Amino acid sequence: MWKGVINLPPSVSDWPQPFPVRASELQQFALWFNLAARQGDGSSAFYLSQMHLSGEGIEQDRVVARVWAMVAFAKGIEGAEQILTTLNEELTEEQMEQSVQILDEIFQKHPEMLGG
């Protein structure tokens, strides 16, 4: 299992320029962030949340963005609370419930995600 550290700026849009990244590379980043987030990496969950908010490299999905923002917030990642506050104001009750259900499904498969 990979246990590296990813030190990236707080937002995909804040990455140093010029930083030529193809869409396929962003998709690869999303895959790695997803794997790391499911193993409990809060920063990866935060980056996934931002990517789902912006639609950079992956499908824009505010419900899924909230899922990963909740994980990042639980891990104490700076900026996650701001994303959650914004999404909580914008999403419907049904969408927020859906995000909790998605989080529960992921957690059932990956209980280590919210540990330590």
N, C-alpha and C. Protein backbone atom coordinates (compact mmCIF):
# COMPACT_ATOMS: atom_id res chain seq x y z
N MET A 1 0.84 -1.18 0.00
CA MET A 1 0.00 0.00 0.00
C MET A 1 0.89 1.24 0.00
N TRP A 2 0.55 2.21 -0.84
CA TRP A 2 1.32 3.44 -0.95
C TRP A 2 1.02 4.34 0.23
N LYS A 3 2.04 4.88 0.87
CA LYS A 3 1.87 5.75 2.03
C LYS A 3 2.60 7.07 1.81
N GLY A 4 2.57 7.60 0.59
CA GLY A 4 3.26 8.83 0.29
C GLY A 4 2.51 10.05 0.78
N VAL A 5 3.13 11.18 0.66
CA VAL A 5 2.53 12.45 1.04
C VAL A 5 2.39 13.29 -0.20
N ILE A 6 1.22 13.86 -0.38
CA ILE A 6 0.97 14.73 -1.53
C ILE A 6 0.89 16.16 -1.00
N ASN A 7 1.83 16.99 -1.39
CA ASN A 7 1.83 18.38 -0.96
C ASN A 7 1.44 19.27 -2.13
N LEU A 8 0.16 19.48 -2.29
CA LEU A 8 -0.36 20.31 -3.37
C LEU A 8 -1.00 21.55 -2.78
N PRO A 9 -1.10 22.61 -3.55
CA PRO A 9 -1.81 23.79 -3.08
C PRO A 9 -3.26 23.43 -2.77
N PRO A 10 -3.96 24.29 -2.01
CA PRO A 10 -5.29 23.96 -1.54
C PRO A 10 -6.35 23.79 -2.62
N SER A 11 -6.12 24.24 -3.83
CA SER A 11 -7.13 24.13 -4.87
C SER A 11 -6.47 23.77 -6.19
N VAL A 12 -7.17 22.96 -6.97
CA VAL A 12 -6.66 22.59 -8.29
C VAL A 12 -6.37 23.85 -9.09
N SER A 13 -7.23 24.85 -8.99
CA SER A 13 -7.04 26.08 -9.76
C SER A 13 -5.84 26.89 -9.26
N ASP A 14 -5.33 26.57 -8.05
CA ASP A 14 -4.18 27.29 -7.50
C ASP A 14 -2.85 26.61 -7.82
N TRP A 15 -2.89 25.50 -8.57
CA TRP A 15 -1.65 24.83 -8.89
C TRP A 15 -0.75 25.78 -9.67
N PRO A 16 0.56 25.68 -9.46
CA PRO A 16 1.49 26.61 -10.12
C PRO A 16 1.33 26.59 -11.64
N GLN A 17 1.46 27.74 -12.22
CA GLN A 17 1.38 27.88 -13.66
C GLN A 17 2.75 28.31 -14.16
N PRO A 18 3.26 27.90 -15.30
CA PRO A 18 2.54 26.97 -16.15
C PRO A 18 2.66 25.55 -15.60
N PHE A 19 1.56 24.89 -15.54
CA PHE A 19 1.48 23.51 -15.08
C PHE A 19 0.58 22.78 -16.05
N PRO A 20 1.11 22.50 -17.26
CA PRO A 20 0.26 21.91 -18.29
C PRO A 20 -0.22 20.53 -17.90
N VAL A 21 -1.50 20.42 -17.69
CA VAL A 21 -2.10 19.15 -17.28
C VAL A 21 -3.21 18.82 -18.25
N ARG A 22 -3.12 17.65 -18.82
CA ARG A 22 -4.17 17.18 -19.72
C ARG A 22 -5.33 16.63 -18.89
N ALA A 23 -6.50 16.60 -19.50
CA ALA A 23 -7.69 16.08 -18.83
C ALA A 23 -7.45 14.65 -18.34
N SER A 24 -6.75 13.85 -19.14
CA SER A 24 -6.49 12.47 -18.73
C SER A 24 -5.62 12.41 -17.48
N GLU A 25 -4.71 13.39 -17.32
CA GLU A 25 -3.89 13.44 -16.11
C GLU A 25 -4.74 13.82 -14.90
N LEU A 26 -5.66 14.75 -15.09
CA LEU A 26 -6.56 15.11 -13.99
C LEU A 26 -7.42 13.92 -13.60
N GLN A 27 -7.83 13.13 -14.57
CA GLN A 27 -8.59 11.92 -14.27
C GLN A 27 -7.74 10.95 -13.45
N GLN A 28 -6.46 10.85 -13.79
CA GLN A 28 -5.56 9.98 -13.04
C GLN A 28 -5.37 10.51 -11.62
N PHE A 29 -5.23 11.83 -11.47
CA PHE A 29 -5.14 12.42 -10.14
C PHE A 29 -6.38 12.07 -9.33
N ALA A 30 -7.55 12.20 -9.95
CA ALA A 30 -8.81 11.90 -9.26
C ALA A 30 -8.85 10.45 -8.80
N LEU A 31 -8.35 9.55 -9.63
CA LEU A 31 -8.32 8.13 -9.26
C LEU A 31 -7.44 7.91 -8.04
N TRP A 32 -6.24 8.50 -8.05
CA TRP A 32 -5.33 8.33 -6.92
C TRP A 32 -5.87 9.01 -5.67
N PHE A 33 -6.45 10.20 -5.82
CA PHE A 33 -7.05 10.87 -4.67
C PHE A 33 -8.18 10.02 -4.09
N ASN A 34 -8.97 9.39 -4.97
CA ASN A 34 -10.08 8.56 -4.52
C ASN A 34 -9.55 7.38 -3.70
N LEU A 35 -8.55 6.72 -4.21
CA LEU A 35 -7.97 5.57 -3.50
C LEU A 35 -7.40 6.00 -2.15
N ALA A 36 -6.68 7.11 -2.13
CA ALA A 36 -6.08 7.59 -0.88
C ALA A 36 -7.16 8.05 0.11
N ALA A 37 -8.20 8.71 -0.39
CA ALA A 37 -9.28 9.18 0.49
C ALA A 37 -10.00 8.00 1.13
N ARG A 38 -10.20 6.94 0.39
CA ARG A 38 -10.87 5.75 0.92
C ARG A 38 -10.01 5.05 1.97
N GLN A 39 -8.72 5.34 1.98
CA GLN A 39 -7.82 4.79 3.00
C GLN A 39 -7.64 5.75 4.16
N GLY A 40 -8.33 6.88 4.11
CA GLY A 40 -8.30 7.80 5.24
C GLY A 40 -7.51 9.07 5.06
N ASP A 41 -7.06 9.37 3.85
CA ASP A 41 -6.29 10.60 3.63
C ASP A 41 -7.23 11.78 3.43
N GLY A 42 -7.27 12.67 4.40
CA GLY A 42 -8.18 13.81 4.37
C GLY A 42 -7.88 14.81 3.28
N SER A 43 -6.61 15.03 3.00
CA SER A 43 -6.25 15.98 1.95
C SER A 43 -6.74 15.50 0.59
N SER A 44 -6.63 14.20 0.35
CA SER A 44 -7.12 13.64 -0.91
C SER A 44 -8.64 13.82 -1.02
N ALA A 45 -9.34 13.63 0.09
CA ALA A 45 -10.79 13.84 0.10
C ALA A 45 -11.10 15.29 -0.23
N PHE A 46 -10.31 16.20 0.31
CA PHE A 46 -10.51 17.63 0.05
C PHE A 46 -10.31 17.94 -1.44
N TYR A 47 -9.23 17.40 -2.02
CA TYR A 47 -8.98 17.65 -3.44
C TYR A 47 -10.08 17.05 -4.31
N LEU A 48 -10.57 15.86 -3.95
CA LEU A 48 -11.68 15.26 -4.69
C LEU A 48 -12.92 16.15 -4.62
N SER A 49 -13.17 16.68 -3.45
CA SER A 49 -14.32 17.57 -3.29
C SER A 49 -14.21 18.76 -4.23
N GLN A 50 -13.03 19.36 -4.27
CA GLN A 50 -12.82 20.51 -5.15
C GLN A 50 -12.95 20.13 -6.62
N MET A 51 -12.43 18.97 -6.98
CA MET A 51 -12.51 18.54 -8.37
C MET A 51 -13.96 18.29 -8.78
N HIS A 52 -14.75 17.69 -7.87
CA HIS A 52 -16.16 17.47 -8.18
C HIS A 52 -16.94 18.78 -8.23
N LEU A 53 -16.53 19.76 -7.44
CA LEU A 53 -17.18 21.08 -7.49
C LEU A 53 -16.93 21.77 -8.82
N SER A 54 -15.69 21.70 -9.28
CA SER A 54 -15.31 22.44 -10.49
C SER A 54 -15.54 21.64 -11.77
N GLY A 55 -15.58 20.33 -11.65
CA GLY A 55 -15.68 19.49 -12.84
C GLY A 55 -14.36 19.37 -13.57
N GLU A 56 -13.26 19.71 -12.89
CA GLU A 56 -11.94 19.61 -13.51
C GLU A 56 -11.45 18.16 -13.47
N GLY A 57 -11.41 17.53 -14.63
CA GLY A 57 -10.90 16.18 -14.74
C GLY A 57 -11.91 15.09 -14.47
N ILE A 58 -12.99 15.42 -13.81
CA ILE A 58 -14.05 14.46 -13.50
C ILE A 58 -15.39 15.15 -13.61
N GLU A 59 -16.44 14.35 -13.57
CA GLU A 59 -17.80 14.89 -13.70
C GLU A 59 -18.11 15.84 -12.54
N GLN A 60 -18.67 16.99 -12.87
CA GLN A 60 -19.08 17.91 -11.84
C GLN A 60 -20.30 17.32 -11.13
N ASP A 61 -20.19 17.21 -9.80
CA ASP A 61 -21.26 16.61 -9.02
C ASP A 61 -21.20 17.17 -7.60
N ARG A 62 -22.13 18.06 -7.28
CA ARG A 62 -22.11 18.74 -5.99
C ARG A 62 -22.45 17.80 -4.83
N VAL A 63 -23.24 16.77 -5.11
CA VAL A 63 -23.56 15.79 -4.06
C VAL A 63 -22.30 15.02 -3.67
N VAL A 64 -21.56 14.54 -4.66
CA VAL A 64 -20.32 13.81 -4.39
C VAL A 64 -19.28 14.76 -3.80
N ALA A 65 -19.26 16.00 -4.23
CA ALA A 65 -18.35 16.98 -3.64
C ALA A 65 -18.61 17.10 -2.14
N ARG A 66 -19.88 17.07 -1.75
CA ARG A 66 -20.23 17.15 -0.32
C ARG A 66 -19.76 15.91 0.43
N VAL A 67 -19.84 14.74 -0.20
CA VAL A 67 -19.37 13.51 0.43
C VAL A 67 -17.91 13.67 0.84
N TRP A 68 -17.09 14.07 -0.13
CA TRP A 68 -15.66 14.17 0.15
C TRP A 68 -15.34 15.35 1.05
N ALA A 69 -16.12 16.41 1.00
CA ALA A 69 -15.92 17.53 1.93
C ALA A 69 -16.22 17.09 3.36
N MET A 70 -17.22 16.23 3.54
CA MET A 70 -17.52 15.71 4.88
C MET A 70 -16.35 14.90 5.42
N VAL A 71 -15.75 14.08 4.56
CA VAL A 71 -14.59 13.29 4.98
C VAL A 71 -13.44 14.23 5.35
N ALA A 72 -13.17 15.19 4.50
CA ALA A 72 -12.07 16.13 4.76
C ALA A 72 -12.32 16.91 6.05
N PHE A 73 -13.56 17.31 6.28
CA PHE A 73 -13.91 18.04 7.50
C PHE A 73 -13.67 17.16 8.73
N ALA A 74 -14.09 15.89 8.64
CA ALA A 74 -13.90 14.95 9.75
C ALA A 74 -12.42 14.75 10.05
N LYS A 75 -11.59 14.92 9.04
CA LYS A 75 -10.14 14.77 9.19
C LYS A 75 -9.46 16.08 9.60
N GLY A 76 -10.25 17.15 9.75
CA GLY A 76 -9.69 18.42 10.18
C GLY A 76 -8.96 19.20 9.10
N ILE A 77 -9.31 18.99 7.85
CA ILE A 77 -8.63 19.66 6.74
C ILE A 77 -9.15 21.08 6.59
N GLU A 78 -8.23 22.02 6.59
CA GLU A 78 -8.58 23.43 6.45
C GLU A 78 -9.26 23.67 5.10
N GLY A 79 -10.35 24.39 5.12
CA GLY A 79 -11.09 24.72 3.91
C GLY A 79 -12.30 23.83 3.69
N ALA A 80 -12.32 22.66 4.32
CA ALA A 80 -13.44 21.73 4.13
C ALA A 80 -14.74 22.31 4.71
N GLU A 81 -14.63 22.98 5.84
CA GLU A 81 -15.83 23.57 6.45
C GLU A 81 -16.46 24.61 5.54
N GLN A 82 -15.65 25.39 4.86
CA GLN A 82 -16.16 26.40 3.93
C GLN A 82 -16.93 25.75 2.78
N ILE A 83 -16.38 24.68 2.24
CA ILE A 83 -17.07 23.97 1.16
C ILE A 83 -18.40 23.40 1.66
N LEU A 84 -18.37 22.79 2.85
CA LEU A 84 -19.60 22.23 3.41
C LEU A 84 -20.65 23.31 3.65
N THR A 85 -20.23 24.44 4.19
CA THR A 85 -21.17 25.53 4.44
C THR A 85 -21.83 25.98 3.15
N THR A 86 -21.04 26.15 2.12
CA THR A 86 -21.57 26.57 0.82
C THR A 86 -22.53 25.53 0.26
N LEU A 87 -22.12 24.28 0.28
CA LEU A 87 -22.97 23.22 -0.27
C LEU A 87 -24.24 23.03 0.56
N ASN A 88 -24.13 23.16 1.86
CA ASN A 88 -25.32 23.02 2.72
C ASN A 88 -26.35 24.10 2.43
N GLU A 89 -25.89 25.25 1.99
CA GLU A 89 -26.81 26.34 1.63
C GLU A 89 -27.42 26.13 0.24
N GLU A 90 -26.69 25.45 -0.64
CA GLU A 90 -27.12 25.31 -2.03
C GLU A 90 -27.89 24.03 -2.34
N LEU A 91 -27.56 22.94 -1.64
CA LEU A 91 -28.19 21.66 -1.94
C LEU A 91 -29.55 21.53 -1.27
N THR A 92 -30.40 20.73 -1.88
CA THR A 92 -31.70 20.44 -1.28
C THR A 92 -31.51 19.42 -0.16
N GLU A 93 -32.53 19.28 0.68
CA GLU A 93 -32.49 18.27 1.74
C GLU A 93 -32.28 16.88 1.15
N GLU A 94 -32.96 16.62 0.05
CA GLU A 94 -32.83 15.32 -0.62
C GLU A 94 -31.39 15.07 -1.07
N GLN A 95 -30.76 16.09 -1.64
CA GLN A 95 -29.37 15.94 -2.09
C GLN A 95 -28.43 15.73 -0.91
N MET A 96 -28.68 16.43 0.19
CA MET A 96 -27.83 16.26 1.37
C MET A 96 -28.01 14.85 1.95
N GLU A 97 -29.23 14.35 1.98
CA GLU A 97 -29.47 12.98 2.43
C GLU A 97 -28.78 11.98 1.51
N GLN A 98 -28.82 12.25 0.22
CA GLN A 98 -28.16 11.38 -0.75
C GLN A 98 -26.65 11.34 -0.48
N SER A 99 -26.05 12.47 -0.16
CA SER A 99 -24.61 12.50 0.12
C SER A 99 -24.28 11.68 1.36
N VAL A 100 -25.15 11.73 2.36
CA VAL A 100 -24.93 10.93 3.57
C VAL A 100 -25.04 9.44 3.25
N GLN A 101 -25.99 9.07 2.41
CA GLN A 101 -26.14 7.67 2.01
C GLN A 101 -24.90 7.18 1.25
N ILE A 102 -24.40 8.01 0.35
CA ILE A 102 -23.20 7.65 -0.41
C ILE A 102 -22.02 7.47 0.54
N LEU A 103 -21.87 8.41 1.48
CA LEU A 103 -20.78 8.32 2.45
C LEU A 103 -20.91 7.04 3.27
N ASP A 104 -22.12 6.71 3.68
CA ASP A 104 -22.33 5.49 4.46
C ASP A 104 -21.96 4.24 3.65
N GLU A 105 -22.34 4.22 2.37
CA GLU A 105 -22.00 3.07 1.51
C GLU A 105 -20.49 2.92 1.36
N ILE A 106 -19.80 4.04 1.17
CA ILE A 106 -18.34 3.99 1.04
C ILE A 106 -17.72 3.54 2.36
N PHE A 107 -18.23 4.09 3.46
CA PHE A 107 -17.68 3.75 4.78
C PHE A 107 -17.88 2.27 5.10
N GLN A 108 -18.99 1.70 4.68
CA GLN A 108 -19.23 0.28 4.92
C GLN A 108 -18.17 -0.58 4.23
N LYS A 109 -17.73 -0.15 3.06
CA LYS A 109 -16.70 -0.89 2.31
C LYS A 109 -15.29 -0.55 2.77
N HIS A 110 -15.12 0.66 3.32
CA HIS A 110 -13.80 1.16 3.70
C HIS A 110 -13.86 1.80 5.09
N PRO A 111 -14.05 0.99 6.15
CA PRO A 111 -14.17 1.57 7.51
C PRO A 111 -12.93 2.32 7.95
N GLU A 112 -11.78 2.01 7.35
CA GLU A 112 -10.56 2.72 7.69
C GLU A 112 -10.58 4.18 7.24
N MET A 113 -11.52 4.51 6.38
CA MET A 113 -11.58 5.85 5.81
C MET A 113 -11.73 6.93 6.88
N LEU A 114 -12.54 6.71 7.88
CA LEU A 114 -12.74 7.73 8.90
C LEU A 114 -11.93 7.46 10.17
N GLY A 115 -11.13 6.42 10.15
CA GLY A 115 -10.28 6.14 11.29
C GLY A 115 -9.06 7.06 11.32
N GLY A 116 -8.43 7.13 12.49
CA GLY A 116 -7.18 7.86 12.70
C GLY A 116 -6.88 8.93 11.83
